Amino acid sequence: MLRDRKSTRHEVGLLLLTRCATMTTKAVLLIGGPSKGTRFRPLSLDVPKPLFCVGGRPIIWHSLVALSHVQGLTEVLLIGFYDEAVINPFIKDASRDFPNLSIRYLREYQSLGTAGGLYHYRDVILKGNPSQIFVVHSDIVCGWPLEEMQKFHSGHRGVGTMMAVKVPKEEANKFGCVVIDPQTSQARHYVEKPEEFLSDTVNAGLYLFDSNLLFTSIRDAMDTKLKRSSDDPEATNDEQLRLEQDVLSPLAHTGKLYAYQTTSPWVQIKSAASAIPANALILASYKTTNPSLLRRRSPTILAKSRADYSKKKGPEIVEPCFIHEDAQIDDTAKIGPNVSIGSGVKVGFGSRIKESIILDNTVIDKNACVLYSIVGEECKIGPWARVEGAPLAGGQQQSIAILGKDVSVLKEVHIRSCIVLPSKVLSKSAKNEVLL
């Protein structure tokens, strides 16, 4: 009998291993729509926030890199309310970059909310009977501990797992705050942007759900919302169903939501200013996650800086940096650290760029300086001009300079910590202003 029990346990173990090996997983990227991302203006006036380039590539491209390494994951669905003509060119390019992934865009007929969009396309998501579904907000950049989340998720019987990170106490109420049972890792209480301090552990916007249980929970949330509306005739007719407020918050009270806590670096790109630390995080990760990207995209500049620096030839590159292969950098310029330079950019004699994002076809003239800034497409920074923000210091919010598309900063003009709307000509210096 003892031998039979051992044999049975061995067979069960083999069955579980086989089941894990054959487990299929899908991923959904929630990309929002034109009504979202208003805090990202003026950068989102010309390009949707999910397609804004950080680290030389669109924000959502970095999510696809991480998802492409998940074993058994072969399909990624983008759900949002942007026009197909805006998103489809990215889908075409991404399909070439990630041949192992089937990437599709599902456009909502109206803005349905993060849970509403999931439920509307539930038949498409569940096609092929995936066992698990990663749900990812498109505006996050992190260390992507997806494999660790899968292992954690398989150890409990809840509906889903959210990734949770710690943030400074004074910043916590800007996010969804979660109270976690230290013994079981269950999310016991969840509030989106609480008015009073609840916890310095926040929702990181990355989830892993059991497929069928997810849509059962969303259906329950829909029923609850409809009942509340019928019971209260004065309730506002809100047709959107939100994943965090309407689904996860009540789910936390049932003990069926778990939190995977990680110390992995994490940035949520809500405002334009947050693109600067996100850019630094992505560039730092390239050494381990994507070392071929810099070699492929900027062989001339980077090879020149590495090979000839000891001979004092070529621009001085303080890595990490991303420099597009067709950018033109003067030999006397100094670039970096944490700089991304787009296609067609020209950097002139003696120029200095640090902790900044320079978008396509911008011209930075001789002896100009760009620090802690985002410079939009087709801008012109005149000779001896200066565009700068301020670094994070003493717990204060980072103050960066942002130039919209086609902004000209004339000779010797100093623009500090300003937000400049597109198509402006700046002939006078300015500080801490919104220049309309």
Protein backbone atom coordinates (compact mmCIF):
# COMPACT_ATOMS: atom_id res chain seq x y z
CA MET A 1 0.00 0.00 0.00
CA LEU A 2 2.84 2.44 0.84
CA ARG A 3 4.42 1.73 -2.51
CA ASP A 4 1.08 2.44 -4.23
CA ARG A 5 0.74 5.79 -2.45
CA LYS A 6 4.26 6.82 -3.48
CA SER A 7 3.50 5.79 -7.03
CA THR A 8 0.28 7.82 -6.99
CA ARG A 9 2.04 10.91 -5.68
CA HIS A 10 4.69 10.51 -8.37
CA GLU A 11 2.02 10.28 -11.08
CA VAL A 12 0.23 13.35 -9.76
CA GLY A 13 3.51 15.26 -9.77
CA LEU A 14 4.18 14.28 -13.37
CA LEU A 15 0.64 15.30 -14.29
CA LEU A 16 1.11 18.75 -12.77
CA LEU A 17 4.45 19.22 -14.53
CA THR A 18 2.88 18.22 -17.84
CA ARG A 19 -0.02 20.58 -17.25
CA CYS A 20 2.32 23.52 -16.53
CA ALA A 21 4.39 22.74 -19.61
CA THR A 22 1.29 22.78 -21.85
CA MET A 23 -0.33 25.81 -20.19
CA THR A 24 -1.25 28.51 -22.70
CA THR A 25 -1.14 32.18 -21.84
CA LYS A 26 -2.40 35.30 -23.57
CA ALA A 27 -1.72 38.95 -22.86
CA VAL A 28 -3.88 42.04 -23.13
CA LEU A 29 -2.40 45.53 -23.30
CA LEU A 30 -4.82 48.26 -22.21
CA ILE A 31 -3.87 51.31 -24.28
CA GLY A 32 -6.76 53.70 -23.53
CA GLY A 33 -7.83 56.33 -26.01
CA PRO A 34 -7.60 60.00 -27.06
CA SER A 35 -9.58 61.15 -24.01
CA LYS A 36 -6.89 59.71 -21.74
CA GLY A 37 -3.33 60.90 -21.28
CA THR A 38 -4.23 64.58 -20.95
CA ARG A 39 -1.45 65.00 -18.39
CA PHE A 40 0.96 63.93 -21.12
CA ARG A 41 0.27 66.99 -23.22
CA PRO A 42 1.65 68.63 -25.28
CA LEU A 43 3.55 65.46 -26.24
CA SER A 44 0.32 63.52 -26.84
CA LEU A 45 -1.08 66.17 -29.19
CA ASP A 46 0.80 64.67 -32.12
CA VAL A 47 1.25 61.03 -31.10
CA PRO A 48 -0.80 58.77 -28.79
CA LYS A 49 0.91 58.33 -25.44
CA PRO A 50 1.37 54.52 -25.90
CA LEU A 51 3.35 55.25 -29.09
CA PHE A 52 5.57 57.95 -27.60
CA CYS A 53 9.21 56.93 -27.92
CA VAL A 54 11.08 56.24 -24.69
CA GLY A 55 14.47 54.58 -24.94
CA GLY A 56 14.23 54.89 -28.71
CA ARG A 57 11.05 52.82 -29.02
CA PRO A 58 7.31 53.31 -28.37
CA ILE A 59 6.29 52.77 -24.75
CA ILE A 60 4.23 49.66 -25.52
CA TRP A 61 7.09 48.10 -27.49
CA HIS A 62 8.91 47.50 -24.20
CA SER A 63 5.92 45.55 -22.86
CA LEU A 64 6.01 43.37 -25.97
CA VAL A 65 9.72 42.65 -25.42
CA ALA A 66 8.96 41.24 -21.96
CA LEU A 67 5.87 39.31 -23.06
CA SER A 68 7.73 37.75 -26.00
CA HIS A 69 9.92 35.86 -23.50
CA VAL A 70 7.01 34.24 -21.61
CA GLN A 71 6.89 30.52 -22.34
CA GLY A 72 3.61 29.49 -23.95
CA LEU A 73 2.52 33.07 -24.73
CA THR A 74 1.96 33.52 -28.45
CA GLU A 75 -0.78 36.17 -28.71
CA VAL A 76 -1.01 39.77 -27.51
CA LEU A 77 -4.20 41.79 -27.89
CA LEU A 78 -4.23 45.58 -27.67
CA ILE A 79 -7.55 47.02 -26.51
CA GLY A 80 -8.33 50.72 -26.74
CA PHE A 81 -10.28 53.52 -28.37
CA TYR A 82 -7.72 55.01 -30.75
CA ASP A 83 -8.49 55.00 -34.45
CA GLU A 84 -7.12 51.94 -36.27
CA ALA A 85 -5.19 54.16 -38.68
CA VAL A 86 -3.14 55.43 -35.73
CA ILE A 87 -2.34 52.05 -34.18
CA ASN A 88 -2.08 49.72 -37.18
CA PRO A 89 1.32 51.01 -38.45
CA PHE A 90 2.78 50.14 -35.05
CA ILE A 91 1.14 46.69 -35.18
CA LYS A 92 2.75 46.10 -38.58
CA ASP A 93 6.21 47.06 -37.32
CA ALA A 94 5.84 45.13 -34.07
CA SER A 95 4.80 41.97 -35.93
CA ARG A 96 8.15 42.09 -37.73
CA ASP A 97 10.05 42.70 -34.49
CA PHE A 98 8.28 39.85 -32.66
CA PRO A 99 7.64 37.06 -35.17
CA ASN A 100 6.76 34.64 -32.34
CA LEU A 101 3.79 36.80 -31.30
CA SER A 102 0.43 37.30 -32.97
CA ILE A 103 -0.35 40.98 -32.27
CA ARG A 104 -3.82 42.42 -32.89
CA TYR A 105 -5.63 45.65 -32.10
CA LEU A 106 -9.23 45.50 -30.88
CA ARG A 107 -10.92 48.90 -31.07
CA GLU A 108 -13.82 49.62 -28.74
CA TYR A 109 -16.98 51.03 -30.37
CA GLN A 110 -16.93 53.60 -27.57
CA SER A 111 -14.78 54.09 -24.48
CA LEU A 112 -15.89 51.14 -22.34
CA GLY A 113 -13.44 51.39 -19.46
CA THR A 114 -10.59 49.02 -18.68
CA ALA A 115 -12.85 46.16 -17.54
CA GLY A 116 -15.59 46.94 -20.05
CA GLY A 117 -13.20 46.55 -22.97
CA LEU A 118 -11.97 43.22 -21.60
CA TYR A 119 -15.52 41.90 -21.22
CA HIS A 120 -16.64 43.16 -24.64
CA TYR A 121 -13.86 41.17 -26.32
CA ARG A 122 -14.04 38.16 -23.98
CA ASP A 123 -14.78 35.71 -26.83
CA VAL A 124 -11.67 36.84 -28.72
CA ILE A 125 -9.55 36.71 -25.57
CA LEU A 126 -10.79 33.24 -24.60
CA LYS A 127 -10.40 31.79 -28.10
CA GLY A 128 -8.00 28.85 -27.90
CA ASN A 129 -8.82 28.32 -24.20
CA PRO A 130 -5.85 30.11 -22.61
CA SER A 131 -5.31 29.11 -19.00
CA GLN A 132 -4.00 32.49 -17.88
CA ILE A 133 -4.16 36.07 -19.06
CA PHE A 134 -1.64 38.81 -18.40
CA VAL A 135 -3.34 42.21 -18.31
CA VAL A 136 -0.95 45.13 -18.61
CA HIS A 137 -1.54 48.87 -18.54
CA SER A 138 0.40 50.36 -21.43
CA ASP A 139 1.89 53.22 -19.43
CA ILE A 140 4.19 51.24 -17.13
CA VAL A 141 7.89 50.46 -17.40
CA CYS A 142 9.47 48.02 -14.97
CA GLY A 143 11.77 45.04 -14.55
CA TRP A 144 8.98 42.76 -15.85
CA PRO A 145 9.14 39.86 -13.33
CA LEU A 146 6.62 37.87 -15.38
CA GLU A 147 8.05 34.41 -14.71
CA GLU A 148 8.18 35.13 -10.98
CA MET A 149 4.55 36.26 -11.09
CA GLN A 150 3.54 33.02 -12.78
CA LYS A 151 5.24 30.95 -10.10
CA PHE A 152 3.60 33.02 -7.36
CA HIS A 153 0.19 32.81 -9.04
CA SER A 154 0.36 29.02 -9.30
CA GLY A 155 0.80 28.83 -5.52
CA HIS A 156 -2.63 30.23 -4.61
CA ARG A 157 -6.25 29.63 -5.58
CA GLY A 158 -7.31 33.20 -6.12
CA VAL A 159 -8.80 34.85 -9.18
CA GLY A 160 -5.73 36.90 -9.93
CA THR A 161 -2.40 38.37 -8.92
CA MET A 162 -1.49 42.04 -9.07
CA MET A 163 2.08 43.26 -9.01
CA ALA A 164 2.64 45.65 -6.12
CA VAL A 165 5.50 48.03 -5.42
CA LYS A 166 6.42 50.43 -2.64
CA VAL A 167 6.51 54.16 -3.29
CA PRO A 168 7.35 57.15 -1.07
CA LYS A 169 4.56 57.76 1.43
CA GLU A 170 3.89 61.25 0.14
CA GLU A 171 3.35 59.89 -3.39
CA ALA A 172 1.12 56.93 -2.51
CA ASN A 173 -2.29 58.60 -2.88
CA LYS A 174 -1.56 59.23 -6.58
CA PHE A 175 -1.91 55.48 -7.20
CA GLY A 176 -4.13 52.58 -6.27
CA CYS A 177 -3.18 51.64 -2.70
CA VAL A 178 -3.39 48.08 -1.42
CA VAL A 179 -3.30 46.59 2.07
CA ILE A 180 -1.67 43.15 1.98
CA ASP A 181 -1.89 40.33 4.49
CA PRO A 182 1.79 39.65 5.33
CA GLN A 183 1.10 35.96 6.01
CA THR A 184 -0.98 35.01 2.97
CA SER A 185 -0.13 37.81 0.47
CA GLN A 186 -3.86 38.36 -0.02
CA ALA A 187 -4.93 41.87 -0.97
CA ARG A 188 -7.33 42.63 1.87
CA HIS A 189 -8.23 46.18 0.94
CA TYR A 190 -7.79 48.18 -2.25
CA VAL A 191 -8.64 51.83 -2.94
CA GLU A 192 -7.85 53.73 -6.12
CA LYS A 193 -6.23 57.09 -5.28
CA PRO A 194 -7.46 57.33 -1.68
CA GLU A 195 -8.06 60.76 -0.17
CA GLU A 196 -6.26 59.76 3.02
CA PHE A 197 -3.13 57.67 3.49
CA LEU A 198 -3.88 53.96 3.30
CA SER A 199 -0.62 52.25 2.38
CA ASP A 200 2.67 52.95 0.65
CA THR A 201 2.26 49.71 -1.31
CA VAL A 202 0.58 50.45 -4.62
CA ASN A 203 -0.84 48.67 -7.62
CA ALA A 204 1.80 48.52 -10.38
CA GLY A 205 -0.68 48.04 -13.24
CA LEU A 206 0.40 44.50 -14.14
CA TYR A 207 -1.89 41.50 -13.49
CA LEU A 208 -2.10 37.76 -14.06
CA PHE A 209 -5.58 36.20 -14.01
CA ASP A 210 -7.08 32.75 -14.38
CA SER A 211 -9.03 33.19 -17.60
CA ASN A 212 -12.54 32.07 -16.75
CA LEU A 213 -12.45 33.43 -13.20
CA LEU A 214 -11.53 36.89 -14.52
CA PHE A 215 -14.64 37.20 -16.67
CA THR A 216 -16.86 35.77 -13.96
CA SER A 217 -15.59 38.52 -11.65
CA ILE A 218 -16.19 41.19 -14.31
CA ARG A 219 -19.72 39.86 -14.86
CA ASP A 220 -20.37 40.08 -11.12
CA ALA A 221 -19.10 43.66 -11.11
CA MET A 222 -21.41 44.55 -14.00
CA ASP A 223 -24.41 43.06 -12.19
CA THR A 224 -23.53 44.96 -9.02
CA LYS A 225 -23.24 48.23 -10.93
CA LEU A 226 -26.55 47.70 -12.74
CA LYS A 227 -28.31 46.87 -9.48
CA ARG A 228 -26.88 49.96 -7.83
CA SER A 229 -28.12 52.10 -10.72
CA SER A 230 -31.62 50.60 -10.58
CA ASP A 231 -31.80 51.08 -6.80
CA ASP A 232 -30.70 54.71 -7.05
CA PRO A 233 -32.53 56.64 -9.80
CA GLU A 234 -30.29 59.67 -9.17
CA ALA A 235 -27.08 57.72 -9.83
CA THR A 236 -25.06 58.98 -12.79
CA ASN A 237 -25.32 56.84 -15.90
CA ASP A 238 -21.67 55.80 -16.18
CA GLU A 239 -21.35 53.22 -18.96
CA GLN A 240 -17.69 52.54 -18.29
CA LEU A 241 -16.64 49.56 -16.19
CA ARG A 242 -13.25 50.07 -14.56
CA LEU A 243 -10.95 47.20 -13.71
CA GLU A 244 -9.46 48.72 -10.56
CA GLN A 245 -12.44 50.43 -8.94
CA ASP A 246 -15.28 48.16 -10.06
CA VAL A 247 -13.60 44.75 -10.13
CA LEU A 248 -10.41 44.62 -8.07
CA SER A 249 -11.61 46.68 -5.11
CA PRO A 250 -14.58 44.40 -4.27
CA LEU A 251 -12.52 41.33 -5.20
CA ALA A 252 -9.96 42.26 -2.54
CA HIS A 253 -12.63 42.02 0.15
CA THR A 254 -13.38 38.42 -0.84
CA GLY A 255 -9.79 37.24 -0.34
CA LYS A 256 -9.54 36.14 -3.98
CA LEU A 257 -7.04 38.79 -5.06
CA TYR A 258 -3.36 38.31 -4.28
CA ALA A 259 -0.43 40.71 -4.48
CA TYR A 260 3.02 39.84 -5.75
CA GLN A 261 5.33 42.34 -4.08
CA THR A 262 8.54 43.18 -5.89
CA THR A 263 11.47 45.52 -5.47
CA SER A 264 11.93 45.58 -9.23
CA PRO A 265 12.35 49.14 -10.56
CA TRP A 266 9.05 50.60 -11.75
CA VAL A 267 7.81 53.83 -13.34
CA GLN A 268 4.28 54.73 -14.37
CA ILE A 269 4.25 57.20 -17.25
CA LYS A 270 1.31 59.39 -16.32
CA SER A 271 2.72 62.87 -16.87
CA ALA A 272 5.26 64.00 -19.43
CA ALA A 273 7.80 64.51 -16.64
CA SER A 274 7.70 60.79 -15.78
CA ALA A 275 9.03 59.95 -19.25
CA ILE A 276 12.51 61.08 -18.16
CA PRO A 277 12.97 58.52 -15.31
CA ALA A 278 11.25 55.92 -17.52
CA ASN A 279 13.80 56.62 -20.25
CA ALA A 280 16.65 56.18 -17.75
CA LEU A 281 15.17 52.89 -16.52
CA ILE A 282 14.80 51.50 -20.02
CA LEU A 283 18.31 52.52 -21.08
CA ALA A 284 19.80 50.95 -17.96
CA SER A 285 17.97 47.70 -18.72
CA TYR A 286 19.30 47.40 -22.27
CA LYS A 287 22.59 45.93 -21.07
CA THR A 288 20.85 42.80 -19.82
CA THR A 289 17.44 42.70 -21.54
CA ASN A 290 18.24 43.94 -25.03
CA PRO A 291 21.97 44.49 -25.60
CA SER A 292 21.61 44.14 -29.37
CA LEU A 293 19.32 47.15 -29.68
CA LEU A 294 21.99 49.81 -29.28
CA ARG A 295 24.45 47.92 -31.45
CA ARG A 296 21.88 47.54 -34.20
CA ARG A 297 20.39 51.03 -34.04
CA SER A 298 23.49 53.18 -33.62
CA PRO A 299 26.60 51.31 -34.77
CA THR A 300 28.47 54.32 -36.16
CA ILE A 301 28.12 56.67 -33.22
CA LEU A 302 28.55 54.16 -30.41
CA ALA A 303 31.37 52.24 -32.08
CA LYS A 304 33.13 55.50 -32.72
CA SER A 305 32.76 56.65 -29.14
CA ARG A 306 34.09 53.36 -27.73
CA ALA A 307 36.93 52.78 -30.17
CA ASP A 308 38.18 56.33 -30.55
CA TYR A 309 37.55 57.87 -27.14
CA SER A 310 41.10 57.11 -26.01
CA LYS A 311 42.35 58.89 -29.13
CA LYS A 312 40.09 61.88 -28.34
CA LYS A 313 38.13 61.46 -31.58
CA GLY A 314 34.38 61.56 -31.94
CA PRO A 315 31.72 62.81 -29.54
CA GLU A 316 31.95 61.95 -25.87
CA ILE A 317 29.19 59.46 -25.08
CA VAL A 318 28.39 58.91 -21.40
CA GLU A 319 26.35 55.72 -21.42
CA PRO A 320 23.67 54.55 -21.28
CA CYS A 321 22.40 56.32 -24.39
CA PHE A 322 20.26 55.49 -27.39
CA ILE A 323 21.29 57.29 -30.57
CA HIS A 324 19.50 56.51 -33.82
CA GLU A 325 21.77 55.33 -36.59
CA ASP A 326 21.00 58.27 -38.90
CA ALA A 327 21.41 60.98 -36.27
CA GLN A 328 24.35 63.32 -36.88
CA ILE A 329 26.44 64.13 -33.83
CA ASP A 330 29.33 66.59 -34.04
CA ASP A 331 32.68 65.22 -32.85
CA THR A 332 32.91 67.89 -30.16
CA ALA A 333 29.50 67.25 -28.58
CA LYS A 334 28.98 65.50 -25.25
CA ILE A 335 25.96 63.19 -24.90
CA GLY A 336 24.62 61.40 -21.84
CA PRO A 337 23.97 59.82 -19.55
CA ASN A 338 20.34 58.70 -20.06
CA VAL A 339 19.77 60.35 -23.42
CA SER A 340 17.62 59.10 -26.30
CA ILE A 341 18.13 60.72 -29.69
CA GLY A 342 15.73 60.03 -32.56
CA SER A 343 16.02 59.74 -36.31
CA GLY A 344 17.34 62.67 -38.31
CA VAL A 345 18.50 64.65 -35.28
CA LYS A 346 21.47 66.97 -35.78
CA VAL A 347 23.65 67.95 -32.81
CA GLY A 348 26.11 70.74 -33.47
CA PHE A 349 29.57 71.81 -32.34
CA GLY A 350 30.18 71.83 -28.59
CA SER A 351 26.59 70.95 -27.65
CA ARG A 352 25.74 69.20 -24.37
CA ILE A 353 22.75 66.87 -23.86
CA LYS A 354 22.01 65.10 -20.58
CA GLU A 355 19.03 63.19 -19.09
CA SER A 356 16.83 64.07 -22.06
CA ILE A 357 14.73 62.75 -24.93
CA ILE A 358 15.29 64.35 -28.33
CA LEU A 359 12.66 63.36 -30.90
CA ASP A 360 13.02 63.01 -34.67
CA ASN A 361 14.40 65.67 -37.00
CA THR A 362 15.31 68.18 -34.31
CA VAL A 363 18.33 70.44 -34.79
CA ILE A 364 20.50 71.47 -31.84
CA ASP A 365 22.87 74.20 -32.91
CA LYS A 366 26.42 74.90 -31.76
CA ASN A 367 27.16 75.22 -28.04
CA ALA A 368 23.49 74.67 -27.12
CA CYS A 369 22.62 72.84 -23.92
CA VAL A 370 19.66 70.49 -23.26
CA LEU A 371 19.31 69.08 -19.72
CA TYR A 372 16.43 67.17 -18.09
CA SER A 373 14.19 67.96 -21.03
CA ILE A 374 11.97 66.47 -23.73
CA VAL A 375 12.33 68.13 -27.11
CA GLY A 376 9.60 67.34 -29.64
CA GLU A 377 9.92 66.57 -33.32
CA GLU A 378 11.27 69.13 -35.77
CA CYS A 379 12.38 71.60 -33.10
CA LYS A 380 15.27 74.02 -33.53
CA ILE A 381 17.51 74.94 -30.60
CA GLY A 382 19.62 77.95 -31.58
CA PRO A 383 23.34 78.52 -30.90
CA TRP A 384 24.19 79.09 -27.24
CA ALA A 385 20.55 78.47 -26.31
CA ARG A 386 19.71 76.51 -23.18
CA VAL A 387 16.71 74.25 -22.51
CA GLU A 388 16.72 72.69 -19.08
CA GLY A 389 14.68 71.27 -16.25
CA ALA A 390 15.69 70.27 -12.76
CA PRO A 391 16.59 66.81 -11.42
CA LEU A 392 14.82 65.04 -8.57
CA ALA A 393 16.14 66.42 -5.30
CA GLY A 394 15.06 66.19 -1.67
CA GLY A 395 11.84 64.33 -2.43
CA GLN A 396 10.61 67.15 -4.71
CA GLN A 397 8.82 66.39 -7.96
CA GLN A 398 11.04 66.50 -11.01
CA SER A 399 10.61 69.67 -13.03
CA ILE A 400 11.49 69.18 -16.67
CA ALA A 401 11.33 71.36 -19.75
CA ILE A 402 9.00 70.16 -22.51
CA LEU A 403 8.96 71.51 -26.06
CA GLY A 404 6.09 70.49 -28.30
CA LYS A 405 6.51 69.81 -32.00
CA ASP A 406 8.12 72.45 -34.24
CA VAL A 407 9.29 74.83 -31.50
CA SER A 408 12.17 77.20 -32.22
CA VAL A 409 14.37 78.51 -29.40
CA LEU A 410 16.37 81.41 -30.75
CA LYS A 411 20.00 82.28 -30.14
CA GLU A 412 21.08 82.57 -26.46
CA VAL A 413 17.50 82.13 -25.16
CA HIS A 414 17.21 80.24 -21.85
CA ILE A 415 14.05 78.12 -21.35
CA ARG A 416 13.91 76.61 -17.87
CA SER A 417 11.23 74.21 -16.54
CA CYS A 418 8.67 75.43 -19.07
CA ILE A 419 5.98 73.60 -21.04
CA VAL A 420 5.85 74.92 -24.59
CA LEU A 421 2.99 74.15 -26.96
CA PRO A 422 3.73 73.24 -30.61
CA SER A 423 4.73 75.70 -33.34
CA LYS A 424 6.11 78.45 -31.11
CA VAL A 425 9.08 80.74 -31.71
CA LEU A 426 10.77 81.66 -28.43
CA SER A 427 12.79 84.84 -28.61
CA LYS A 428 12.85 85.64 -24.88
CA SER A 429 14.00 83.60 -21.92
CA ALA A 430 11.34 82.08 -19.63
CA LYS A 431 11.17 80.14 -16.38
CA ASN A 432 8.42 77.98 -14.82
CA GLU A 433 5.77 78.97 -17.37
CA VAL A 434 3.32 77.33 -19.74
CA LEU A 435 3.98 79.05 -23.06
CA LEU A 436 0.86 79.02 -25.20
